[in-house]
Amino acid sequence: MSGLWAPPGQSLHKILRPGALAPETIDGVLDTVGGTSFGSHVEALRPGGVLSLVGAVGGSEVSFDAYRLLEITLTGYASEALDGAALRRAIGFISGWLSRGEIRAPARSEFPLEDAAAAHAKLEQRSVRGRIVLIPRP
């Protein structure tokens, strides 16, 4: 499997049928939710797999089998904790991955800043895929 994403506005653990993430079937997880889905993400990792927590919108309380720590790697990332040099290195890595096609930028819709009301209306109508980017005039 090369990737598994939830549609905008939905949580992956809510749309997958029970057992869809079979134990030890995933190489890596980039978890932005945490909370109640964290344990199933840990369980789905193959031995040697990596879970990187980059947010916890689902809550900071998590539960998982501690013995899995003998086989997997758990990491966390918060851009707020980076100093200038570390942030430049992180941006360099991400830029390299993007230019080599190893990752792709999330879907987005761009609007001129003066059309912010129209962009907001698109959000309310749920008719936009991904993020909305407001671009100011130069």
Foldseek 3Di string as FASTA:
>chain_A
DLDDDDFPPDDPVVPDDPCPLPFQQDQEAEAAAAAECVASRLRSHHFAHEYEYEHHVNDDDHDYDPVSVVGYYYHYDYPVPDDPVRNVVVVVVVVVCCVVVVDHDADEAEDAQVCVVVVVVCVVVVVGGTYYHYHYDD
